């Protein structure tokens, strides 16, 4: 769209370590950057484009969505609506709202992975407790355990291993929706992989070795450097493509006994502090350099 554009990158989300790394990388790249929280953005029919970004009516060169905070249904709807509006104004939004929606909802992620023909554990998402119980009973009878995951959860919070119907979370605990994924025993003990993909390239990877079956670094997992190339990187790139993201963190597990790689989740708002600890180059700089190339295109 024609009109005033600030030659800058607008970062949406909180401050802290990630913002400090992004701000430093932006200075090194001579890329103008500023940060706003979502409450500072508003729809405004009196503004030039129907939006105000802080006090500005001008549009940025691009938007990096570092983090969409939780909130009420109305708040989250408005925040995603703002991203859709920026895209409608031809502002590159990274990641786009559709990719965020597909990743924050684990049922959509699983569906998109399956639609793309990518290997991922069987999963079910239901609203009726009797359906969840029947699935759990059938899987237990076949010798499988399930993992219950909050539909919108992150960082390993709320995960439960379900061995039988007696382990099923209540409707209140599940917020009325049961997302169930078959538990796949990993090769090499309690270990999985995180691959960081930017613009179609796997730029960094780590193994996460847990003190339990939950390997998230916030839950005590330890990062170990691994090669990002080969089948692991190729699968991660395909998973990011399946959800329509520009950059993402992909969680992958190697199945015990078969060596088969399975995509567990795709995170469209990935943290990378743990990954940075085992990566010899600056991930924030790689991300901003890729965004700068996108802005020039």
Protein backbone atom coordinates (compact mmCIF):
# COMPACT_ATOMS: atom_id res chain seq x y z
CA UNK A 1 0.00 0.00 0.00
CA UNK A 2 1.24 3.48 -0.85
CA UNK A 3 1.77 5.89 2.01
CA UNK A 4 4.10 6.82 4.83
CA UNK A 5 6.36 4.05 6.05
CA UNK A 6 8.90 4.22 8.81
CA UNK A 7 12.09 2.42 7.68
CA UNK A 8 12.08 0.41 10.88
CA UNK A 9 11.25 -2.93 12.36
CA UNK A 10 8.54 -2.91 15.02
CA UNK A 11 8.95 -5.66 17.63
CA UNK A 12 5.78 -6.64 19.45
CA UNK A 13 6.09 -8.23 22.87
CA UNK A 14 7.77 -7.89 26.22
CA UNK A 15 11.29 -6.79 27.06
CA UNK A 16 13.92 -8.86 28.84
CA UNK A 17 16.75 -10.99 27.49
CA UNK A 18 15.32 -11.58 24.01
CA UNK A 19 14.60 -7.88 23.41
CA UNK A 20 18.10 -6.95 24.58
CA UNK A 21 19.63 -9.40 22.11
CA UNK A 22 17.41 -8.14 19.30
CA UNK A 23 18.19 -4.48 20.08
CA UNK A 24 21.94 -5.19 20.11
CA UNK A 25 21.75 -7.10 16.83
CA UNK A 26 19.72 -4.27 15.27
CA UNK A 27 22.41 -1.76 16.22
CA UNK A 28 25.09 -3.95 14.64
CA UNK A 29 23.02 -4.25 11.45
CA UNK A 30 22.09 -0.54 11.43
CA UNK A 31 18.43 -1.59 11.38
CA UNK A 32 16.11 0.90 13.07
CA UNK A 33 14.02 -0.96 15.63
CA UNK A 34 11.55 -0.17 18.38
CA UNK A 35 9.37 -2.21 20.69
CA UNK A 36 5.74 -1.93 21.73
CA UNK A 37 3.44 -4.05 23.81
CA UNK A 38 0.12 -5.07 22.29
CA UNK A 39 -1.90 -2.77 24.61
CA UNK A 40 -0.18 0.21 22.92
CA UNK A 41 -1.70 -0.75 19.54
CA UNK A 42 -5.26 0.18 18.71
CA UNK A 43 -7.80 0.23 15.97
CA UNK A 44 -8.67 3.87 15.30
CA UNK A 45 -11.04 4.86 12.50
CA UNK A 46 -9.71 8.44 12.63
CA UNK A 47 -6.13 7.37 11.85
CA UNK A 48 -4.70 7.33 8.33
CA UNK A 49 -4.82 3.53 8.01
CA UNK A 50 -7.33 2.79 10.73
CA UNK A 51 -4.59 1.86 13.22
CA UNK A 52 -2.35 3.62 15.70
CA UNK A 53 0.90 1.96 16.70
CA UNK A 54 1.68 3.76 19.89
CA UNK A 55 1.29 7.40 18.95
CA UNK A 56 2.18 6.83 15.30
CA UNK A 57 -0.07 6.58 12.26
CA UNK A 58 2.78 5.70 9.91
CA UNK A 59 3.33 2.04 9.10
CA UNK A 60 6.60 0.24 9.93
CA UNK A 61 8.70 -1.52 7.34
CA UNK A 62 7.94 -4.84 9.03
CA UNK A 63 6.66 -6.29 12.30
CA UNK A 64 8.34 -9.03 14.34
CA UNK A 65 5.93 -10.75 16.71
CA UNK A 66 8.14 -11.77 19.59
CA UNK A 67 5.29 -12.76 21.89
CA UNK A 68 1.49 -12.58 21.95
CA UNK A 69 0.56 -12.55 25.64
CA UNK A 70 -2.37 -14.51 26.96
CA UNK A 71 -5.51 -12.81 28.15
CA UNK A 72 -9.25 -12.93 27.82
CA UNK A 73 -10.84 -14.31 24.66
CA UNK A 74 -11.58 -10.72 23.64
CA UNK A 75 -8.01 -9.55 24.22
CA UNK A 76 -6.43 -12.38 22.26
CA UNK A 77 -8.94 -11.91 19.42
CA UNK A 78 -8.10 -8.19 19.23
CA UNK A 79 -4.35 -8.84 19.23
CA UNK A 80 -4.57 -11.36 16.41
CA UNK A 81 -6.94 -9.00 14.61
CA UNK A 82 -4.29 -6.28 14.75
CA UNK A 83 -1.82 -8.62 13.07
CA UNK A 84 -4.36 -9.49 10.38
CA UNK A 85 -4.96 -5.76 9.86
CA UNK A 86 -1.26 -5.03 9.43
CA UNK A 87 -1.03 -7.80 6.84
CA UNK A 88 -4.06 -6.33 5.04
CA UNK A 89 -2.06 -3.08 4.85
CA UNK A 90 0.78 -5.01 3.14
CA UNK A 91 3.11 -4.79 6.14
CA UNK A 92 5.26 -7.95 6.42
CA UNK A 93 4.30 -9.57 9.74
CA UNK A 94 6.69 -12.19 11.09
CA UNK A 95 5.17 -14.52 11.99
CA UNK A 96 1.83 -13.94 10.25
CA UNK A 97 -1.32 -14.29 12.32
CA UNK A 98 -2.38 -17.48 10.55
CA UNK A 99 0.90 -19.19 11.44
CA UNK A 100 0.58 -18.11 15.07
CA UNK A 101 -2.99 -19.40 15.18
CA UNK A 102 -1.94 -22.75 13.72
CA UNK A 103 0.91 -23.16 16.21
CA UNK A 104 -0.69 -21.91 19.41
CA UNK A 105 -3.54 -24.41 18.92
CA UNK A 106 -1.92 -27.84 19.13
CA UNK A 107 -4.83 -29.50 17.33
CA UNK A 108 -4.26 -27.21 14.34
CA UNK A 109 -0.53 -27.95 14.39
CA UNK A 110 -1.17 -31.70 14.39
CA UNK A 111 -3.71 -31.33 11.58
CA UNK A 112 -1.35 -29.25 9.43
CA UNK A 113 1.51 -31.69 9.94
CA UNK A 114 -0.70 -34.61 8.96
CA UNK A 115 -2.07 -32.67 5.97
CA UNK A 116 1.51 -32.15 4.78
CA UNK A 117 2.25 -35.87 5.19
CA UNK A 118 4.88 -35.31 7.88
CA UNK A 119 5.57 -37.92 10.58
CA UNK A 120 3.98 -36.98 13.90
CA UNK A 121 2.53 -39.07 16.73
CA UNK A 122 -1.20 -39.88 16.53
CA UNK A 123 -3.28 -37.26 18.35
CA UNK A 124 -6.90 -36.54 19.21
CA UNK A 125 -8.72 -33.39 20.31
CA UNK A 126 -12.21 -33.76 21.78
CA UNK A 127 -14.67 -31.85 23.95
CA UNK A 128 -16.64 -34.77 25.41
CA UNK A 129 -15.11 -36.52 28.37
CA UNK A 130 -16.59 -39.84 27.30
CA UNK A 131 -14.77 -39.53 23.95
CA UNK A 132 -11.47 -38.82 25.68
CA UNK A 133 -11.99 -41.77 28.02
CA UNK A 134 -12.82 -44.12 25.13
CA UNK A 135 -9.65 -43.07 23.26
CA UNK A 136 -7.55 -43.59 26.37
CA UNK A 137 -9.07 -47.01 27.02
CA UNK A 138 -8.48 -48.14 23.43
CA UNK A 139 -4.87 -46.90 23.44
CA UNK A 140 -4.16 -48.52 26.82
CA UNK A 141 -5.62 -51.83 25.58
CA UNK A 142 -3.24 -51.63 22.59
CA UNK A 143 -0.29 -51.08 24.91
CA UNK A 144 0.16 -47.34 24.40
CA UNK A 145 0.33 -44.45 26.84
CA UNK A 146 -0.99 -41.00 26.01
CA UNK A 147 0.24 -37.52 26.85
CA UNK A 148 -2.32 -34.91 27.82
CA UNK A 149 -1.28 -31.40 26.79
CA UNK A 150 -3.13 -28.13 27.41
CA UNK A 151 -4.33 -27.00 24.00
CA UNK A 152 -2.65 -23.60 24.39
CA UNK A 153 0.14 -24.62 26.78
CA UNK A 154 3.88 -24.00 26.44
CA UNK A 155 7.24 -24.71 28.14
CA UNK A 156 6.13 -28.10 29.39
CA UNK A 157 3.45 -26.75 31.73
CA UNK A 158 0.46 -28.98 32.37
CA UNK A 159 1.80 -32.10 30.61
CA UNK A 160 0.61 -35.44 32.03
CA UNK A 161 1.37 -39.05 31.12
CA UNK A 162 -1.83 -41.09 30.99
CA UNK A 163 -1.53 -44.84 31.47
CA UNK A 164 -5.20 -45.63 31.98
CA UNK A 165 -8.68 -44.06 32.25
CA UNK A 166 -8.11 -43.28 35.94
CA UNK A 167 -5.40 -40.77 34.90
CA UNK A 168 -7.68 -38.70 32.65
CA UNK A 169 -7.81 -35.03 33.75
CA UNK A 170 -11.23 -33.70 34.65
CA UNK A 171 -13.17 -31.33 32.39
CA UNK A 172 -12.19 -28.46 34.66
CA UNK A 173 -8.50 -29.39 34.57
CA UNK A 174 -8.66 -29.74 30.77
CA UNK A 175 -10.61 -26.48 30.28
CA UNK A 176 -13.23 -28.53 28.48
CA UNK A 177 -10.89 -29.72 25.71
CA UNK A 178 -8.70 -32.83 25.79
CA UNK A 179 -5.69 -32.80 23.47
CA UNK A 180 -4.20 -36.28 23.62
CA UNK A 181 -1.01 -37.37 21.86
CA UNK A 182 0.42 -40.89 21.84
CA UNK A 183 3.54 -41.16 23.97
CA UNK A 184 6.52 -42.30 21.90
CA UNK A 185 9.53 -43.60 23.87
CA UNK A 186 12.61 -41.67 22.70
CA UNK A 187 15.94 -43.10 21.61
CA UNK A 188 18.77 -42.29 23.98
CA UNK A 189 16.70 -41.83 27.13
CA UNK A 190 14.71 -38.71 27.98
CA UNK A 191 15.84 -36.66 25.00
CA UNK A 192 14.37 -34.75 22.10
CA UNK A 193 15.54 -32.05 19.68
CA UNK A 194 14.79 -28.39 19.05
CA UNK A 195 15.61 -27.00 15.61
CA UNK A 196 15.44 -23.26 14.94
CA UNK A 197 14.34 -22.47 11.38
CA UNK A 198 14.54 -19.04 9.74
CA UNK A 199 13.27 -18.34 6.22
CA UNK A 200 13.48 -21.94 5.08
CA UNK A 201 16.87 -22.74 6.64
CA UNK A 202 17.67 -24.71 9.81
CA UNK A 203 20.12 -22.30 11.40
CA UNK A 204 20.71 -23.94 14.81
CA UNK A 205 19.77 -27.08 16.72
CA UNK A 206 20.16 -28.67 20.12
CA UNK A 207 19.31 -31.86 21.92
CA UNK A 208 17.36 -31.38 25.14
CA UNK A 209 18.14 -34.01 27.75
CA UNK A 210 15.66 -34.07 30.59
CA UNK A 211 15.83 -35.25 34.15
CA UNK A 212 12.39 -36.76 33.42
CA UNK A 213 10.33 -37.43 30.29
CA UNK A 214 9.62 -33.67 30.09
CA UNK A 215 12.70 -32.18 28.42
CA UNK A 216 11.81 -28.45 28.32
CA UNK A 217 14.66 -26.31 29.60
CA UNK A 218 12.31 -24.51 31.98
CA UNK A 219 11.60 -27.91 33.53
CA UNK A 220 15.23 -28.88 34.08
CA UNK A 221 16.27 -30.02 30.60
CA UNK A 222 19.91 -29.54 29.57
CA UNK A 223 20.88 -28.25 26.10
CA UNK A 224 23.49 -30.08 24.05
CA UNK A 225 24.75 -28.89 20.64
CA UNK A 226 23.99 -31.06 17.62
CA UNK A 227 24.30 -30.72 13.85
CA UNK A 228 21.40 -28.91 12.22
CA UNK A 229 21.88 -30.42 8.76
CA UNK A 230 20.56 -33.67 7.34
CA UNK A 231 17.23 -35.36 8.02
CA UNK A 232 16.62 -33.45 11.26
CA UNK A 233 16.94 -30.05 9.62
CA UNK A 234 14.98 -31.09 6.54
CA UNK A 235 12.06 -32.31 8.64
CA UNK A 236 12.07 -29.11 10.70
CA UNK A 237 11.97 -26.94 7.57
CA UNK A 238 9.06 -28.97 6.19
CA UNK A 239 7.18 -28.58 9.48
CA UNK A 240 7.64 -24.80 9.49
CA UNK A 241 6.47 -24.67 5.89
CA UNK A 242 3.39 -26.72 6.82
CA UNK A 243 2.21 -24.09 9.31
CA UNK A 244 3.17 -21.12 7.13
CA UNK A 245 5.75 -19.56 9.46
CA UNK A 246 8.80 -17.47 8.58
CA UNK A 247 10.69 -18.61 11.65
CA UNK A 248 9.90 -21.18 14.33
CA UNK A 249 11.28 -23.66 16.82
CA UNK A 250 10.46 -27.27 15.94
CA UNK A 251 10.42 -30.04 18.55
CA UNK A 252 11.38 -33.43 17.13
CA UNK A 253 11.73 -36.84 18.77
CA UNK A 254 13.65 -39.91 17.61
CA UNK A 255 11.56 -43.04 18.18
CA UNK A 256 13.24 -45.75 20.22
CA UNK A 257 14.07 -48.86 18.24
CA UNK A 258 13.18 -47.49 14.80
CA UNK A 259 15.19 -44.25 14.67
CA UNK A 260 12.18 -42.60 13.02
CA UNK A 261 11.99 -38.83 13.49
CA UNK A 262 8.60 -37.45 14.58
CA UNK A 263 7.53 -33.82 14.83
CA UNK A 264 5.98 -33.13 18.22
CA UNK A 265 5.25 -29.39 18.05
CA UNK A 266 6.01 -26.21 16.12
CA UNK A 267 6.47 -23.01 18.13
CA UNK A 268 5.85 -19.80 16.18
CA UNK A 269 7.02 -17.61 19.10
CA UNK A 270 10.12 -19.53 20.14
CA UNK A 271 12.48 -18.56 22.90
CA UNK A 272 16.14 -19.21 22.12
CA UNK A 273 18.07 -18.40 25.29
CA UNK A 274 18.90 -22.05 25.94
CA UNK A 275 19.73 -22.69 22.30
CA UNK A 276 21.99 -19.62 22.26
CA UNK A 277 24.03 -21.15 25.09
CA UNK A 278 25.19 -23.96 22.75
CA UNK A 279 25.30 -21.95 19.50
CA UNK A 280 28.54 -20.16 18.48
CA UNK A 281 26.86 -17.30 16.58
CA UNK A 282 24.20 -14.75 17.50
CA UNK A 283 20.74 -16.15 16.72
CA UNK A 284 19.10 -12.73 17.09
CA UNK A 285 21.43 -11.31 14.45
CA UNK A 286 20.59 -14.16 12.05
CA UNK A 287 16.88 -13.55 12.58
CA UNK A 288 17.09 -9.80 12.04
CA UNK A 289 19.35 -10.17 9.00
CA UNK A 290 16.74 -12.46 7.42
CA UNK A 291 13.96 -10.00 8.26
CA UNK A 292 16.01 -7.13 6.76
CA UNK A 293 16.33 -9.12 3.54
CA UNK A 294 12.56 -9.67 3.58
CA UNK A 295 12.00 -5.92 4.05
CA UNK A 296 14.20 -5.15 1.05
CA UNK A 297 12.20 -7.62 -1.06
